[in-house]
Amino acid sequence: EVTSVYVRNLPGDITEAEIEEEFKSFGRIKPDGIFVRVRQEIGVCYAFVEFEDVVGVQNALQV
């Protein structure tokens, strides 16, 4: 079962707390389950959000 979603095209200054605020309504996020990566040299910022179960992923993908 897939329990994480990939989020792209994020602003380079986004925080884990901001991502958590946006995604927590879809389901329980694992502790330390948000991973933000910034590649400033190519202007890319993305994140992975890992939920406790597949329901969070399903809810997030319906938006």
PDB file of N, CA and C in Angstrom:
ATOM      1  N   GLU A   1       0.837  -1.189   0.000  1.00  0.00           N
ATOM      2  CA  GLU A   1       0.000   0.000   0.000  1.00  0.00           C
ATOM      3  C   GLU A   1       0.875   1.242   0.000  1.00  0.00           C
ATOM      4  N   VAL A   2       0.508   2.178  -0.829  1.00  0.00           N
ATOM      5  CA  VAL A   2       1.214   3.454  -0.889  1.00  0.00           C
ATOM      6  C   VAL A   2       0.650   4.366   0.191  1.00  0.00           C
ATOM      7  N   THR A   3       1.534   4.917   1.015  1.00  0.00           N
ATOM      8  CA  THR A   3       1.069   5.802   2.090  1.00  0.00           C
ATOM      9  C   THR A   3       1.671   7.199   1.997  1.00  0.00           C
ATOM     10  N   SER A   4       2.269   7.538   0.852  1.00  0.00           N
ATOM     11  CA  SER A   4       2.838   8.879   0.721  1.00  0.00           C
ATOM     12  C   SER A   4       2.428   9.505  -0.601  1.00  0.00           C
ATOM     13  N   VAL A   5       2.415  10.830  -0.609  1.00  0.00           N
ATOM     14  CA  VAL A   5       2.129  11.580  -1.831  1.00  0.00           C
ATOM     15  C   VAL A   5       3.310  12.498  -2.120  1.00  0.00           C
ATOM     16  N   TYR A   6       3.524  12.723  -3.392  1.00  0.00           N
ATOM     17  CA  TYR A   6       4.572  13.612  -3.893  1.00  0.00           C
ATOM     18  C   TYR A   6       3.906  14.923  -4.270  1.00  0.00           C
ATOM     19  N   VAL A   7       4.451  16.028  -3.775  1.00  0.00           N
ATOM     20  CA  VAL A   7       3.883  17.348  -4.036  1.00  0.00           C
ATOM     21  C   VAL A   7       4.955  18.190  -4.708  1.00  0.00           C
ATOM     22  N   ARG A   8       4.660  18.714  -5.891  1.00  0.00           N
ATOM     23  CA  ARG A   8       5.671  19.475  -6.627  1.00  0.00           C
ATOM     24  C   ARG A   8       5.234  20.924  -6.815  1.00  0.00           C
ATOM     25  N   ASN A   9       6.133  21.702  -7.399  1.00  0.00           N
ATOM     26  CA  ASN A   9       5.889  23.119  -7.694  1.00  0.00           C
ATOM     27  C   ASN A   9       5.598  23.938  -6.441  1.00  0.00           C
ATOM     28  N   LEU A  10       6.316  23.652  -5.373  1.00  0.00           N
ATOM     29  CA  LEU A  10       6.150  24.392  -4.126  1.00  0.00           C
ATOM     30  C   LEU A  10       7.060  25.614  -4.120  1.00  0.00           C
ATOM     31  N   PRO A  11       6.665  26.661  -3.373  1.00  0.00           N
ATOM     32  CA  PRO A  11       7.574  27.798  -3.227  1.00  0.00           C
ATOM     33  C   PRO A  11       8.813  27.374  -2.439  1.00  0.00           C
ATOM     34  N   GLY A  12       9.948  27.922  -2.777  1.00  0.00           N
ATOM     35  CA  GLY A  12      11.211  27.526  -2.166  1.00  0.00           C
ATOM     36  C   GLY A  12      11.323  27.787  -0.680  1.00  0.00           C
ATOM     37  N   ASP A  13      10.447  28.641  -0.147  1.00  0.00           N
ATOM     38  CA  ASP A  13      10.530  28.981   1.278  1.00  0.00           C
ATOM     39  C   ASP A  13       9.437  28.308   2.109  1.00  0.00           C
ATOM     40  N   ILE A  14       8.756  27.325   1.548  1.00  0.00           N
ATOM     41  CA  ILE A  14       7.688  26.650   2.293  1.00  0.00           C
ATOM     42  C   ILE A  14       8.281  25.847   3.451  1.00  0.00           C
ATOM     43  N   THR A  15       7.529  25.750   4.535  1.00  0.00           N
ATOM     44  CA  THR A  15       7.996  25.013   5.709  1.00  0.00           C
ATOM     45  C   THR A  15       7.212  23.707   5.865  1.00  0.00           C
ATOM     46  N   GLU A  16       7.769  22.801   6.639  1.00  0.00           N
ATOM     47  CA  GLU A  16       7.072  21.550   6.935  1.00  0.00           C
ATOM     48  C   GLU A  16       5.757  21.833   7.645  1.00  0.00           C
ATOM     49  N   ALA A  17       5.744  22.841   8.520  1.00  0.00           N
ATOM     50  CA  ALA A  17       4.525  23.190   9.253  1.00  0.00           C
ATOM     51  C   ALA A  17       3.424  23.656   8.303  1.00  0.00           C
ATOM     52  N   GLU A  18       3.778  24.411   7.283  1.00  0.00           N
ATOM     53  CA  GLU A  18       2.784  24.873   6.309  1.00  0.00           C
ATOM     54  C   GLU A  18       2.210  23.701   5.515  1.00  0.00           C
ATOM     55  N   ILE A  19       3.060  22.771   5.156  1.00  0.00           N
ATOM     56  CA  ILE A  19       2.588  21.592   4.423  1.00  0.00           C
ATOM     57  C   ILE A  19       1.685  20.751   5.317  1.00  0.00           C
ATOM     58  N   GLU A  20       2.088  20.576   6.559  1.00  0.00           N
ATOM     59  CA  GLU A  20       1.258  19.812   7.495  1.00  0.00           C
ATOM     60  C   GLU A  20      -0.120  20.450   7.633  1.00  0.00           C
ATOM     61  N   GLU A  21      -0.171  21.764   7.738  1.00  0.00           N
ATOM     62  CA  GLU A  21      -1.443  22.475   7.870  1.00  0.00           C
ATOM     63  C   GLU A  21      -2.357  22.199   6.672  1.00  0.00           C
ATOM     64  N   GLU A  22      -1.789  22.139   5.494  1.00  0.00           N
ATOM     65  CA  GLU A  22      -2.573  21.896   4.278  1.00  0.00           C
ATOM     66  C   GLU A  22      -3.041  20.446   4.156  1.00  0.00           C
ATOM     67  N   PHE A  23      -2.260  19.501   4.639  1.00  0.00           N
ATOM     68  CA  PHE A  23      -2.547  18.088   4.392  1.00  0.00           C
ATOM     69  C   PHE A  23      -3.160  17.346   5.575  1.00  0.00           C
ATOM     70  N   LYS A  24      -3.142  17.903   6.770  1.00  0.00           N
ATOM     71  CA  LYS A  24      -3.620  17.154   7.937  1.00  0.00           C
ATOM     72  C   LYS A  24      -5.115  16.854   7.889  1.00  0.00           C
ATOM     73  N   SER A  25      -5.868  17.618   7.119  1.00  0.00           N
ATOM     74  CA  SER A  25      -7.309  17.349   7.032  1.00  0.00           C
ATOM     75  C   SER A  25      -7.612  16.084   6.223  1.00  0.00           C
ATOM     76  N   PHE A  26      -6.645  15.576   5.472  1.00  0.00           N
ATOM     77  CA  PHE A  26      -6.857  14.387   4.647  1.00  0.00           C
ATOM     78  C   PHE A  26      -6.656  13.086   5.414  1.00  0.00           C
ATOM     79  N   GLY A  27      -5.898  13.153   6.515  1.00  0.00           N
ATOM     80  CA  GLY A  27      -5.634  11.956   7.304  1.00  0.00           C
ATOM     81  C   GLY A  27      -4.461  12.189   8.236  1.00  0.00           C
ATOM     82  N   ARG A  28      -4.201  11.215   9.090  1.00  0.00           N
ATOM     83  CA  ARG A  28      -3.102  11.329  10.052  1.00  0.00           C
ATOM     84  C   ARG A  28      -1.760  11.222   9.332  1.00  0.00           C
ATOM     85  N   ILE A  29      -0.916  12.216   9.559  1.00  0.00           N
ATOM     86  CA  ILE A  29       0.428  12.226   8.982  1.00  0.00           C
ATOM     87  C   ILE A  29       1.373  11.573   9.985  1.00  0.00           C
ATOM     88  N   LYS A  30       2.243  10.716   9.496  1.00  0.00           N
ATOM     89  CA  LYS A  30       3.214  10.064  10.380  1.00  0.00           C
ATOM     90  C   LYS A  30       4.101  11.111  11.052  1.00  0.00           C
ATOM     91  N   PRO A  31       4.549  10.824  12.283  1.00  0.00           N
ATOM     92  CA  PRO A  31       5.535  11.715  12.911  1.00  0.00           C
ATOM     93  C   PRO A  31       6.768  11.799  12.014  1.00  0.00           C
ATOM     94  N   ASP A  32       7.258  12.989  11.809  1.00  0.00           N
ATOM     95  CA  ASP A  32       8.397  13.222  10.904  1.00  0.00           C
ATOM     96  C   ASP A  32       8.103  12.692   9.503  1.00  0.00           C
ATOM     97  N   GLY A  33       6.844  12.759   9.087  1.00  0.00           N
ATOM     98  CA  GLY A  33       6.430  12.212   7.803  1.00  0.00           C
ATOM     99  C   GLY A  33       6.399  13.213   6.659  1.00  0.00           C
ATOM    100  N   ILE A  34       6.954  14.394   6.874  1.00  0.00           N
ATOM    101  CA  ILE A  34       6.997  15.400   5.809  1.00  0.00           C
ATOM    102  C   ILE A  34       8.449  15.663   5.462  1.00  0.00           C
ATOM    103  N   PHE A  35       8.761  15.500   4.189  1.00  0.00           N
ATOM    104  CA  PHE A  35      10.129  15.680   3.709  1.00  0.00           C
ATOM    105  C   PHE A  35      10.125  16.725   2.602  1.00  0.00           C
ATOM    106  N   VAL A  36      10.765  17.861   2.849  1.00  0.00           N
ATOM    107  CA  VAL A  36      10.832  18.943   1.864  1.00  0.00           C
ATOM    108  C   VAL A  36      12.232  18.960   1.266  1.00  0.00           C
ATOM    109  N   ARG A  37      12.287  19.076  -0.043  1.00  0.00           N
ATOM    110  CA  ARG A  37      13.571  19.160  -0.747  1.00  0.00           C
ATOM    111  C   ARG A  37      13.563  20.388  -1.638  1.00  0.00           C
ATOM    112  N   VAL A  38      14.623  21.174  -1.548  1.00  0.00           N
ATOM    113  CA  VAL A  38      14.770  22.377  -2.367  1.00  0.00           C
ATOM    114  C   VAL A  38      16.026  22.232  -3.210  1.00  0.00           C
ATOM    115  N   ARG A  39      15.879  22.416  -4.502  1.00  0.00           N
ATOM    116  CA  ARG A  39      17.014  22.408  -5.435  1.00  0.00           C
ATOM    117  C   ARG A  39      17.104  23.816  -6.024  1.00  0.00           C
ATOM    118  N   GLN A  40      17.685  24.730  -5.254  1.00  0.00           N
ATOM    119  CA  GLN A  40      17.704  26.131  -5.663  1.00  0.00           C
ATOM    120  C   GLN A  40      18.458  26.355  -6.961  1.00  0.00           C
ATOM    121  N   GLU A  41      19.461  25.523  -7.236  1.00  0.00           N
ATOM    122  CA  GLU A  41      20.238  25.717  -8.460  1.00  0.00           C
ATOM    123  C   GLU A  41      19.393  25.530  -9.718  1.00  0.00           C
ATOM    124  N   ILE A  42      18.298  24.776  -9.599  1.00  0.00           N
ATOM    125  CA  ILE A  42      17.414  24.612 -10.756  1.00  0.00           C
ATOM    126  C   ILE A  42      16.003  25.124 -10.469  1.00  0.00           C
ATOM    127  N   GLY A  43      15.822  25.786  -9.323  1.00  0.00           N
ATOM    128  CA  GLY A  43      14.546  26.410  -8.991  1.00  0.00           C
ATOM    129  C   GLY A  43      13.406  25.443  -8.738  1.00  0.00           C
ATOM    130  N   VAL A  44      13.701  24.344  -8.050  1.00  0.00           N
ATOM    131  CA  VAL A  44      12.685  23.319  -7.805  1.00  0.00           C
ATOM    132  C   VAL A  44      12.526  23.086  -6.301  1.00  0.00           C
ATOM    133  N   CYS A  45      11.275  22.994  -5.871  1.00  0.00           N
ATOM    134  CA  CYS A  45      10.981  22.616  -4.487  1.00  0.00           C
ATOM    135  C   CYS A  45       9.843  21.604  -4.524  1.00  0.00           C
ATOM    136  N   TYR A  46      10.033  20.501  -3.795  1.00  0.00           N
ATOM    137  CA  TYR A  46       9.012  19.462  -3.751  1.00  0.00           C
ATOM    138  C   TYR A  46       9.001  18.839  -2.363  1.00  0.00           C
ATOM    139  N   ALA A  47       7.977  18.045  -2.100  1.00  0.00           N
ATOM    140  CA  ALA A  47       7.860  17.409  -0.789  1.00  0.00           C
ATOM    141  C   ALA A  47       7.190  16.051  -0.929  1.00  0.00           C
ATOM    142  N   PHE A  48       7.433  15.224   0.069  1.00  0.00           N
ATOM    143  CA  PHE A  48       6.703  13.975   0.237  1.00  0.00           C
ATOM    144  C   PHE A  48       5.958  14.080   1.559  1.00  0.00           C
ATOM    145  N   VAL A  49       4.695  13.677   1.553  1.00  0.00           N
ATOM    146  CA  VAL A  49       3.890  13.654   2.768  1.00  0.00           C
ATOM    147  C   VAL A  49       3.511  12.197   3.002  1.00  0.00           C
ATOM    148  N   GLU A  50       3.932  11.668   4.143  1.00  0.00           N
ATOM    149  CA  GLU A  50       3.668  10.259   4.453  1.00  0.00           C
ATOM    150  C   GLU A  50       2.572  10.164   5.512  1.00  0.00           C
ATOM    151  N   PHE A  51       1.484   9.509   5.128  1.00  0.00           N
ATOM    152  CA  PHE A  51       0.338   9.342   6.012  1.00  0.00           C
ATOM    153  C   PHE A  51       0.452   8.038   6.796  1.00  0.00           C
ATOM    154  N   GLU A  52      -0.329   7.946   7.873  1.00  0.00           N
ATOM    155  CA  GLU A  52      -0.365   6.724   8.684  1.00  0.00           C
ATOM    156  C   GLU A  52      -0.962   5.557   7.901  1.00  0.00           C
ATOM    157  N   ASP A  53      -1.887   5.845   6.987  1.00  0.00           N
ATOM    158  CA  ASP A  53      -2.523   4.777   6.215  1.00  0.00           C
ATOM    159  C   ASP A  53      -2.914   5.288   4.834  1.00  0.00           C
ATOM    160  N   VAL A  54      -3.407   4.379   4.020  1.00  0.00           N
ATOM    161  CA  VAL A  54      -3.727   4.690   2.628  1.00  0.00           C
ATOM    162  C   VAL A  54      -4.921   5.641   2.501  1.00  0.00           C
ATOM    163  N   VAL A  55      -5.762   5.729   3.511  1.00  0.00           N
ATOM    164  CA  VAL A  55      -6.934   6.605   3.455  1.00  0.00           C
ATOM    165  C   VAL A  55      -6.509   8.065   3.284  1.00  0.00           C
ATOM    166  N   GLY A  56      -5.456   8.477   3.966  1.00  0.00           N
ATOM    167  CA  GLY A  56      -4.958   9.844   3.818  1.00  0.00           C
ATOM    168  C   GLY A  56      -4.531  10.139   2.393  1.00  0.00           C
ATOM    169  N   VAL A  57      -3.877   9.183   1.766  1.00  0.00           N
ATOM    170  CA  VAL A  57      -3.449   9.337   0.370  1.00  0.00           C
ATOM    171  C   VAL A  57      -4.674   9.445  -0.533  1.00  0.00           C
ATOM    172  N   GLN A  58      -5.629   8.567  -0.347  1.00  0.00           N
ATOM    173  CA  GLN A  58      -6.838   8.587  -1.178  1.00  0.00           C
ATOM    174  C   GLN A  58      -7.571   9.915  -1.045  1.00  0.00           C
ATOM    175  N   ASN A  59      -7.686  10.419   0.174  1.00  0.00           N
ATOM    176  CA  ASN A  59      -8.356  11.703   0.394  1.00  0.00           C
ATOM    177  C   ASN A  59      -7.598  12.841  -0.271  1.00  0.00           C
ATOM    178  N   ALA A  60      -6.281  12.844  -0.150  1.00  0.00           N
ATOM    179  CA  ALA A  60      -5.465  13.912  -0.739  1.00  0.00           C
ATOM    180  C   ALA A  60      -5.563  13.902  -2.259  1.00  0.00           C
ATOM    181  N   LEU A  61      -5.628  12.730  -2.857  1.00  0.00           N
ATOM    182  CA  LEU A  61      -5.672  12.634  -4.314  1.00  0.00           C
ATOM    183  C   LEU A  61      -7.028  13.012  -4.894  1.00  0.00           C
ATOM    184  N   GLN A  62      -8.047  13.072  -4.073  1.00  0.00           N
ATOM    185  CA  GLN A  62      -9.375  13.449  -4.557  1.00  0.00           C
ATOM    186  C   GLN A  62      -9.528  14.953  -4.713  1.00  0.00           C
ATOM    187  N   VAL A  63      -8.614  15.708  -4.186  1.00  0.00           N
ATOM    188  CA  VAL A  63      -8.708  17.178  -4.245  1.00  0.00           C
ATOM    189  C   VAL A  63      -8.247  17.668  -5.589  1.00  0.00           C
TER     190      VAL A  63
END
